[in-house]
Amino acid sequence: MDWTRQIDAYCERTDFTFWAEPVNAATNAAFVLAALVMWHRCAGLPLGRALAAVLGVIGIGSFLFHTLASEWASLADVLPILCFILLYVFVANRAYWGLGLWPALGLTALFFPYAAVTGPLFGRLEWLGSSAGYAPVALLILVYALALARRLPEVAAGLGLGVGLLTVSLTFRTIDMPVCAVLPLGTHFLWHLLNAAMLGWMIEVYRRHVRRVSMDAAPG
């Protein structure tokens, strides 16, 4: 593979100069801002701060892709997202289901066969385009929300809101090229803004859960 090959995948880009996607590039600051907010809010929570750190790296990787638009920058864009997904699944298994380290890791590893099965199924929905790769994540969050509805209703409600935010943000990601003829700016930047809010919220759901557990465990 030619890692320097350039990619034109978004409506806003018209050439391969560095600032050919100024809005798409600039809105990656939302990820960094969300990461900074959650880093502060997760003081004393190592896993929460780990999630916040990865969220910040997502913004950096996406900025590289929307400025350099190369194969290697594309990898820098998607790998931090995968890391966030895996880390959050691990955190959910530990904090929401109370699993031990190894069971939590084992269940987290099942994400790979899960994605291998569901990804191609969503890929059959041509209207999803390149967003089909993210649809399994929305489904997985929904599954966790439903499964936790009785055990942890507050967490389930928070995850449900996360699914809603992700669905809306994926909609804007999906229609970026189809609406390009009438909206030259495209809609991908809205994916950045809403997805940054969604990922920050997912960390907040974890933070609030840990706080509730700590308060319940405190001597009366």
C-alpha atoms as a PDB file:
ATOM      1  CA  MET A   1       0.000   0.000   0.000  1.00  0.00           C
ATOM      2  CA  ASP A   2       1.146   3.523  -0.804  1.00  0.00           C
ATOM      3  CA  TRP A   3       0.772   5.254   2.576  1.00  0.00           C
ATOM      4  CA  THR A   4       1.329   8.656   0.978  1.00  0.00           C
ATOM      5  CA  ARG A   5      -1.538   8.277  -1.485  1.00  0.00           C
ATOM      6  CA  GLN A   6      -3.994  11.122  -1.018  1.00  0.00           C
ATOM      7  CA  ILE A   7      -7.705  10.639  -0.438  1.00  0.00           C
ATOM      8  CA  ASP A   8     -10.609  12.849  -1.489  1.00  0.00           C
ATOM      9  CA  ALA A   9     -13.556  11.554   0.536  1.00  0.00           C
ATOM     10  CA  TYR A  10     -15.440  14.633   1.750  1.00  0.00           C
ATOM     11  CA  CYS A  11     -17.598  17.285   0.158  1.00  0.00           C
ATOM     12  CA  GLU A  12     -15.603  20.245   1.478  1.00  0.00           C
ATOM     13  CA  ARG A  13     -12.333  19.121  -0.137  1.00  0.00           C
ATOM     14  CA  THR A  14     -11.709  20.474  -3.645  1.00  0.00           C
ATOM     15  CA  ASP A  15      -7.940  19.917  -3.877  1.00  0.00           C
ATOM     16  CA  PHE A  16      -5.074  18.461  -1.857  1.00  0.00           C
ATOM     17  CA  THR A  17      -3.714  21.592  -0.215  1.00  0.00           C
ATOM     18  CA  PHE A  18      -3.328  21.526   3.564  1.00  0.00           C
ATOM     19  CA  TRP A  19      -6.332  23.755   4.333  1.00  0.00           C
ATOM     20  CA  ALA A  20      -8.646  22.379   1.651  1.00  0.00           C
ATOM     21  CA  GLU A  21     -11.056  21.314   4.431  1.00  0.00           C
ATOM     22  CA  PRO A  22     -10.878  24.263   6.830  1.00  0.00           C
ATOM     23  CA  VAL A  23     -14.195  23.642   8.616  1.00  0.00           C
ATOM     24  CA  ASN A  24     -13.724  19.877   8.831  1.00  0.00           C
ATOM     25  CA  ALA A  25     -10.213  20.468  10.172  1.00  0.00           C
ATOM     26  CA  ALA A  26     -11.134  23.205  12.646  1.00  0.00           C
ATOM     27  CA  THR A  27     -14.088  21.354  14.168  1.00  0.00           C
ATOM     28  CA  ASN A  28     -11.726  18.677  15.432  1.00  0.00           C
ATOM     29  CA  ALA A  29     -11.043  21.141  18.222  1.00  0.00           C
ATOM     30  CA  ALA A  30     -14.363  19.936  19.655  1.00  0.00           C
ATOM     31  CA  PHE A  31     -12.779  16.568  20.454  1.00  0.00           C
ATOM     32  CA  VAL A  32      -9.861  18.229  22.218  1.00  0.00           C
ATOM     33  CA  LEU A  33     -12.178  20.543  24.143  1.00  0.00           C
ATOM     34  CA  ALA A  34     -14.394  17.637  25.219  1.00  0.00           C
ATOM     35  CA  ALA A  35     -11.277  15.720  26.249  1.00  0.00           C
ATOM     36  CA  LEU A  36     -10.018  18.605  28.391  1.00  0.00           C
ATOM     37  CA  VAL A  37     -13.395  19.015  30.088  1.00  0.00           C
ATOM     38  CA  MET A  38     -13.665  15.313  30.855  1.00  0.00           C
ATOM     39  CA  TRP A  39     -10.028  15.082  31.965  1.00  0.00           C
ATOM     40  CA  HIS A  40     -10.833  17.709  34.600  1.00  0.00           C
ATOM     41  CA  ARG A  41     -14.114  16.070  35.603  1.00  0.00           C
ATOM     42  CA  CYS A  42     -12.509  12.619  35.896  1.00  0.00           C
ATOM     43  CA  ALA A  43      -9.914  13.610  38.494  1.00  0.00           C
ATOM     44  CA  GLY A  44      -9.177  10.530  40.582  1.00  0.00           C
ATOM     45  CA  LEU A  45     -10.598   8.151  37.957  1.00  0.00           C
ATOM     46  CA  PRO A  46      -7.728   6.572  35.997  1.00  0.00           C
ATOM     47  CA  LEU A  47      -9.980   4.861  33.458  1.00  0.00           C
ATOM     48  CA  GLY A  48     -12.002   8.022  32.984  1.00  0.00           C
ATOM     49  CA  ARG A  49      -8.858  10.005  32.312  1.00  0.00           C
ATOM     50  CA  ALA A  50      -7.605   7.295  29.961  1.00  0.00           C
ATOM     51  CA  LEU A  51     -10.818   7.668  27.959  1.00  0.00           C
ATOM     52  CA  ALA A  52     -10.401  11.451  27.953  1.00  0.00           C
ATOM     53  CA  ALA A  53      -6.819  11.120  26.706  1.00  0.00           C
ATOM     54  CA  VAL A  54      -7.876   8.850  23.853  1.00  0.00           C
ATOM     55  CA  LEU A  55     -10.662  11.311  23.019  1.00  0.00           C
ATOM     56  CA  GLY A  56      -8.049  14.038  22.630  1.00  0.00           C
ATOM     57  CA  VAL A  57      -5.986  11.821  20.341  1.00  0.00           C
ATOM     58  CA  ILE A  58      -9.096  11.242  18.209  1.00  0.00           C
ATOM     59  CA  GLY A  59      -9.194  14.970  17.549  1.00  0.00           C
ATOM     60  CA  ILE A  60      -5.518  15.068  16.602  1.00  0.00           C
ATOM     61  CA  GLY A  61      -5.801  12.069  14.293  1.00  0.00           C
ATOM     62  CA  SER A  62      -8.887  13.445  12.585  1.00  0.00           C
ATOM     63  CA  PHE A  63      -7.183  16.820  12.131  1.00  0.00           C
ATOM     64  CA  LEU A  64      -4.284  15.104  10.397  1.00  0.00           C
ATOM     65  CA  PHE A  65      -6.640  13.293   8.043  1.00  0.00           C
ATOM     66  CA  HIS A  66      -8.641  16.393   7.153  1.00  0.00           C
ATOM     67  CA  THR A  67      -5.495  18.376   6.402  1.00  0.00           C
ATOM     68  CA  LEU A  68      -3.030  15.873   4.946  1.00  0.00           C
ATOM     69  CA  ALA A  69      -5.668  13.525   3.459  1.00  0.00           C
ATOM     70  CA  SER A  70      -3.286  10.598   3.042  1.00  0.00           C
ATOM     71  CA  GLU A  71      -3.521   6.875   3.669  1.00  0.00           C
ATOM     72  CA  TRP A  72      -1.347   7.044   6.771  1.00  0.00           C
ATOM     73  CA  ALA A  73      -3.369   9.994   8.091  1.00  0.00           C
ATOM     74  CA  SER A  74      -6.519   7.948   7.533  1.00  0.00           C
ATOM     75  CA  LEU A  75      -5.035   5.290   9.799  1.00  0.00           C
ATOM     76  CA  ALA A  76      -4.207   7.976  12.358  1.00  0.00           C
ATOM     77  CA  ASP A  77      -7.876   8.944  12.167  1.00  0.00           C
ATOM     78  CA  VAL A  78      -9.489   5.538  12.680  1.00  0.00           C
ATOM     79  CA  LEU A  79      -7.106   3.824  15.120  1.00  0.00           C
ATOM     80  CA  PRO A  80      -7.804   6.169  18.064  1.00  0.00           C
ATOM     81  CA  ILE A  81     -11.532   5.684  17.472  1.00  0.00           C
ATOM     82  CA  LEU A  82     -11.075   1.912  17.650  1.00  0.00           C
ATOM     83  CA  CYS A  83      -9.012   2.332  20.816  1.00  0.00           C
ATOM     84  CA  PHE A  84     -11.768   4.418  22.409  1.00  0.00           C
ATOM     85  CA  ILE A  85     -14.398   1.814  21.523  1.00  0.00           C
ATOM     86  CA  LEU A  86     -12.363  -1.042  22.975  1.00  0.00           C
ATOM     87  CA  LEU A  87     -11.438   0.887  26.102  1.00  0.00           C
ATOM     88  CA  TYR A  88     -15.031   1.927  26.722  1.00  0.00           C
ATOM     89  CA  VAL A  89     -16.308  -1.624  26.271  1.00  0.00           C
ATOM     90  CA  PHE A  90     -13.694  -2.747  28.797  1.00  0.00           C
ATOM     91  CA  VAL A  91     -14.723   0.038  31.194  1.00  0.00           C
ATOM     92  CA  ALA A  92     -18.383  -0.911  30.763  1.00  0.00           C
ATOM     93  CA  ASN A  93     -17.636  -4.547  31.481  1.00  0.00           C
ATOM     94  CA  ARG A  94     -15.743  -3.630  34.625  1.00  0.00           C
ATOM     95  CA  ALA A  95     -17.889  -0.814  36.003  1.00  0.00           C
ATOM     96  CA  TYR A  96     -21.391  -1.660  34.795  1.00  0.00           C
ATOM     97  CA  TRP A  97     -21.253  -5.453  34.939  1.00  0.00           C
ATOM     98  CA  GLY A  98     -18.732  -5.791  37.753  1.00  0.00           C
ATOM     99  CA  LEU A  99     -16.545  -8.258  35.855  1.00  0.00           C
ATOM    100  CA  GLY A 100     -13.013  -9.119  36.876  1.00  0.00           C
ATOM    101  CA  LEU A 101     -10.030  -8.076  34.818  1.00  0.00           C
ATOM    102  CA  TRP A 102      -9.706 -11.156  32.620  1.00  0.00           C
ATOM    103  CA  PRO A 103     -13.421 -11.724  31.991  1.00  0.00           C
ATOM    104  CA  ALA A 104     -13.734  -8.031  31.100  1.00  0.00           C
ATOM    105  CA  LEU A 105     -10.807  -8.296  28.689  1.00  0.00           C
ATOM    106  CA  GLY A 106     -12.187 -11.481  27.158  1.00  0.00           C
ATOM    107  CA  LEU A 107     -15.603  -9.952  26.584  1.00  0.00           C
ATOM    108  CA  THR A 108     -13.959  -6.847  25.126  1.00  0.00           C
ATOM    109  CA  ALA A 109     -12.032  -9.006  22.655  1.00  0.00           C
ATOM    110  CA  LEU A 110     -15.347 -10.310  21.350  1.00  0.00           C
ATOM    111  CA  PHE A 111     -15.842  -6.914  19.737  1.00  0.00           C
ATOM    112  CA  PHE A 112     -13.664  -8.050  16.847  1.00  0.00           C
ATOM    113  CA  PRO A 113     -15.788 -11.053  15.790  1.00  0.00           C
ATOM    114  CA  TYR A 114     -18.912  -9.003  16.524  1.00  0.00           C
ATOM    115  CA  ALA A 115     -17.738  -6.252  14.154  1.00  0.00           C
ATOM    116  CA  ALA A 116     -16.639  -8.840  11.577  1.00  0.00           C
ATOM    117  CA  VAL A 117     -20.189 -10.219  11.481  1.00  0.00           C
ATOM    118  CA  THR A 118     -22.275  -7.057  11.804  1.00  0.00           C
ATOM    119  CA  GLY A 119     -20.059  -4.779   9.689  1.00  0.00           C
ATOM    120  CA  PRO A 120     -20.759  -6.583   6.385  1.00  0.00           C
ATOM    121  CA  LEU A 121     -24.456  -6.774   7.250  1.00  0.00           C
ATOM    122  CA  PHE A 122     -24.671  -3.014   7.668  1.00  0.00           C
ATOM    123  CA  GLY A 123     -22.476  -2.691   4.572  1.00  0.00           C
ATOM    124  CA  ARG A 124     -25.330  -4.123   2.525  1.00  0.00           C
ATOM    125  CA  LEU A 125     -27.273  -0.961   3.267  1.00  0.00           C
ATOM    126  CA  GLU A 126     -25.816   1.097   0.437  1.00  0.00           C
ATOM    127  CA  TRP A 127     -27.312   4.324   1.740  1.00  0.00           C
ATOM    128  CA  LEU A 128     -25.057   4.101   4.807  1.00  0.00           C
ATOM    129  CA  GLY A 129     -21.936   4.401   2.655  1.00  0.00           C
ATOM    130  CA  SER A 130     -18.713   4.578   4.647  1.00  0.00           C
ATOM    131  CA  SER A 131     -20.728   5.122   7.833  1.00  0.00           C
ATOM    132  CA  ALA A 132     -21.680   1.433   7.788  1.00  0.00           C
ATOM    133  CA  GLY A 133     -18.501   0.711   9.745  1.00  0.00           C
ATOM    134  CA  TYR A 134     -19.793   2.753  12.684  1.00  0.00           C
ATOM    135  CA  ALA A 135     -23.315   1.338  12.752  1.00  0.00           C
ATOM    136  CA  PRO A 136     -22.258  -1.765  14.756  1.00  0.00           C
ATOM    137  CA  VAL A 137     -21.033   0.567  17.502  1.00  0.00           C
ATOM    138  CA  ALA A 138     -24.430   2.238  17.801  1.00  0.00           C
ATOM    139  CA  LEU A 139     -26.079  -1.177  17.920  1.00  0.00           C
ATOM    140  CA  LEU A 140     -23.673  -2.397  20.601  1.00  0.00           C
ATOM    141  CA  ILE A 141     -24.344   0.614  22.813  1.00  0.00           C
ATOM    142  CA  LEU A 142     -28.063  -0.007  22.392  1.00  0.00           C
ATOM    143  CA  VAL A 143     -27.625  -3.652  23.392  1.00  0.00           C
ATOM    144  CA  TYR A 144     -25.746  -2.601  26.549  1.00  0.00           C
ATOM    145  CA  ALA A 145     -28.408   0.000  27.338  1.00  0.00           C
ATOM    146  CA  LEU A 146     -31.221  -2.516  27.047  1.00  0.00           C
ATOM    147  CA  ALA A 147     -29.334  -5.173  28.998  1.00  0.00           C
ATOM    148  CA  LEU A 148     -28.613  -2.712  31.823  1.00  0.00           C
ATOM    149  CA  ALA A 149     -32.105  -1.236  31.977  1.00  0.00           C
ATOM    150  CA  ARG A 150     -33.050  -3.030  35.222  1.00  0.00           C
ATOM    151  CA  ARG A 151     -29.615  -3.415  36.741  1.00  0.00           C
ATOM    152  CA  LEU A 152     -28.497   0.203  36.285  1.00  0.00           C
ATOM    153  CA  PRO A 153     -31.352   2.342  34.941  1.00  0.00           C
ATOM    154  CA  GLU A 154     -29.389   5.604  35.162  1.00  0.00           C
ATOM    155  CA  VAL A 155     -26.541   4.135  33.143  1.00  0.00           C
ATOM    156  CA  ALA A 156     -28.979   2.619  30.656  1.00  0.00           C
ATOM    157  CA  ALA A 157     -30.650   5.996  30.154  1.00  0.00           C
ATOM    158  CA  GLY A 158     -27.265   7.638  29.649  1.00  0.00           C
ATOM    159  CA  LEU A 159     -26.223   5.042  27.102  1.00  0.00           C
ATOM    160  CA  GLY A 160     -29.572   5.488  25.359  1.00  0.00           C
ATOM    161  CA  LEU A 161     -28.875   9.198  24.991  1.00  0.00           C
ATOM    162  CA  GLY A 162     -25.459   8.264  23.630  1.00  0.00           C
ATOM    163  CA  VAL A 163     -27.097   6.081  20.980  1.00  0.00           C
ATOM    164  CA  GLY A 164     -29.358   8.967  20.008  1.00  0.00           C
ATOM    165  CA  LEU A 165     -26.451  11.390  19.663  1.00  0.00           C
ATOM    166  CA  LEU A 166     -24.445   8.863  17.664  1.00  0.00           C
ATOM    167  CA  THR A 167     -27.370   8.196  15.343  1.00  0.00           C
ATOM    168  CA  VAL A 168     -27.817  11.886  14.580  1.00  0.00           C
ATOM    169  CA  SER A 169     -24.093  12.421  14.096  1.00  0.00           C
ATOM    170  CA  LEU A 170     -23.889   9.388  11.803  1.00  0.00           C
ATOM    171  CA  THR A 171     -26.734  10.826   9.758  1.00  0.00           C
ATOM    172  CA  PHE A 172     -24.728  13.972   9.082  1.00  0.00           C
ATOM    173  CA  ARG A 173     -21.657  11.873   8.268  1.00  0.00           C
ATOM    174  CA  THR A 174     -23.668   9.771   5.820  1.00  0.00           C
ATOM    175  CA  ILE A 175     -25.299  12.627   3.902  1.00  0.00           C
ATOM    176  CA  ASP A 176     -22.083  14.644   3.474  1.00  0.00           C
ATOM    177  CA  MET A 177     -21.498  13.633  -0.161  1.00  0.00           C
ATOM    178  CA  PRO A 178     -25.161  13.212  -1.232  1.00  0.00           C
ATOM    179  CA  VAL A 179     -25.957  16.843  -0.322  1.00  0.00           C
ATOM    180  CA  CYS A 180     -22.707  18.213  -1.728  1.00  0.00           C
ATOM    181  CA  ALA A 181     -24.317  19.586  -4.891  1.00  0.00           C
ATOM    182  CA  VAL A 182     -26.602  21.867  -2.898  1.00  0.00           C
ATOM    183  CA  LEU A 183     -24.400  22.376   0.175  1.00  0.00           C
ATOM    184  CA  PRO A 184     -20.742  22.716  -0.923  1.00  0.00           C
ATOM    185  CA  LEU A 185     -19.559  22.875   2.683  1.00  0.00           C
ATOM    186  CA  GLY A 186     -21.020  19.429   3.300  1.00  0.00           C
ATOM    187  CA  THR A 187     -22.197  18.119   6.667  1.00  0.00           C
ATOM    188  CA  HIS A 188     -19.180  16.167   7.897  1.00  0.00           C
ATOM    189  CA  PHE A 189     -18.244  18.933  10.328  1.00  0.00           C
ATOM    190  CA  LEU A 190     -21.510  18.298  12.176  1.00  0.00           C
ATOM    191  CA  TRP A 191     -20.381  14.687  12.666  1.00  0.00           C
ATOM    192  CA  HIS A 192     -17.310  16.071  14.419  1.00  0.00           C
ATOM    193  CA  LEU A 193     -19.265  18.395  16.709  1.00  0.00           C
ATOM    194  CA  LEU A 194     -21.959  15.896  17.645  1.00  0.00           C
ATOM    195  CA  ASN A 195     -19.588  12.957  17.933  1.00  0.00           C
ATOM    196  CA  ALA A 196     -17.297  14.934  20.238  1.00  0.00           C
ATOM    197  CA  ALA A 197     -20.308  15.689  22.429  1.00  0.00           C
ATOM    198  CA  MET A 198     -21.396  12.056  22.304  1.00  0.00           C
ATOM    199  CA  LEU A 199     -18.002  10.651  23.286  1.00  0.00           C
ATOM    200  CA  GLY A 200     -17.638  13.190  26.075  1.00  0.00           C
ATOM    201  CA  TRP A 201     -21.110  12.230  27.289  1.00  0.00           C
ATOM    202  CA  MET A 202     -20.215   8.543  27.289  1.00  0.00           C
ATOM    203  CA  ILE A 203     -17.316   9.319  29.625  1.00  0.00           C
ATOM    204  CA  GLU A 204     -19.663  11.387  31.776  1.00  0.00           C
ATOM    205  CA  VAL A 205     -22.051   8.418  32.059  1.00  0.00           C
ATOM    206  CA  TYR A 206     -19.169   6.381  33.476  1.00  0.00           C
ATOM    207  CA  ARG A 207     -18.084   9.192  35.811  1.00  0.00           C
ATOM    208  CA  ARG A 208     -21.581   9.631  37.210  1.00  0.00           C
ATOM    209  CA  HIS A 209     -21.946   5.899  37.757  1.00  0.00           C
ATOM    210  CA  VAL A 210     -18.698   5.674  39.701  1.00  0.00           C
ATOM    211  CA  ARG A 211     -19.721   8.682  41.767  1.00  0.00           C
ATOM    212  CA  ARG A 212     -23.099   7.096  42.580  1.00  0.00           C
ATOM    213  CA  VAL A 213     -21.436   3.847  43.600  1.00  0.00           C
ATOM    214  CA  SER A 214     -18.963   5.723  45.818  1.00  0.00           C
ATOM    215  CA  MET A 215     -21.759   7.689  47.485  1.00  0.00           C
ATOM    216  CA  ASP A 216     -23.796   4.537  48.086  1.00  0.00           C
ATOM    217  CA  ALA A 217     -20.783   2.816  49.599  1.00  0.00           C
ATOM    218  CA  ALA A 218     -19.961   5.716  51.897  1.00  0.00           C
ATOM    219  CA  PRO A 219     -20.897   5.161  55.564  1.00  0.00           C
ATOM    220  CA  GLY A 220     -24.119   6.871  56.515  1.00  0.00           C
END
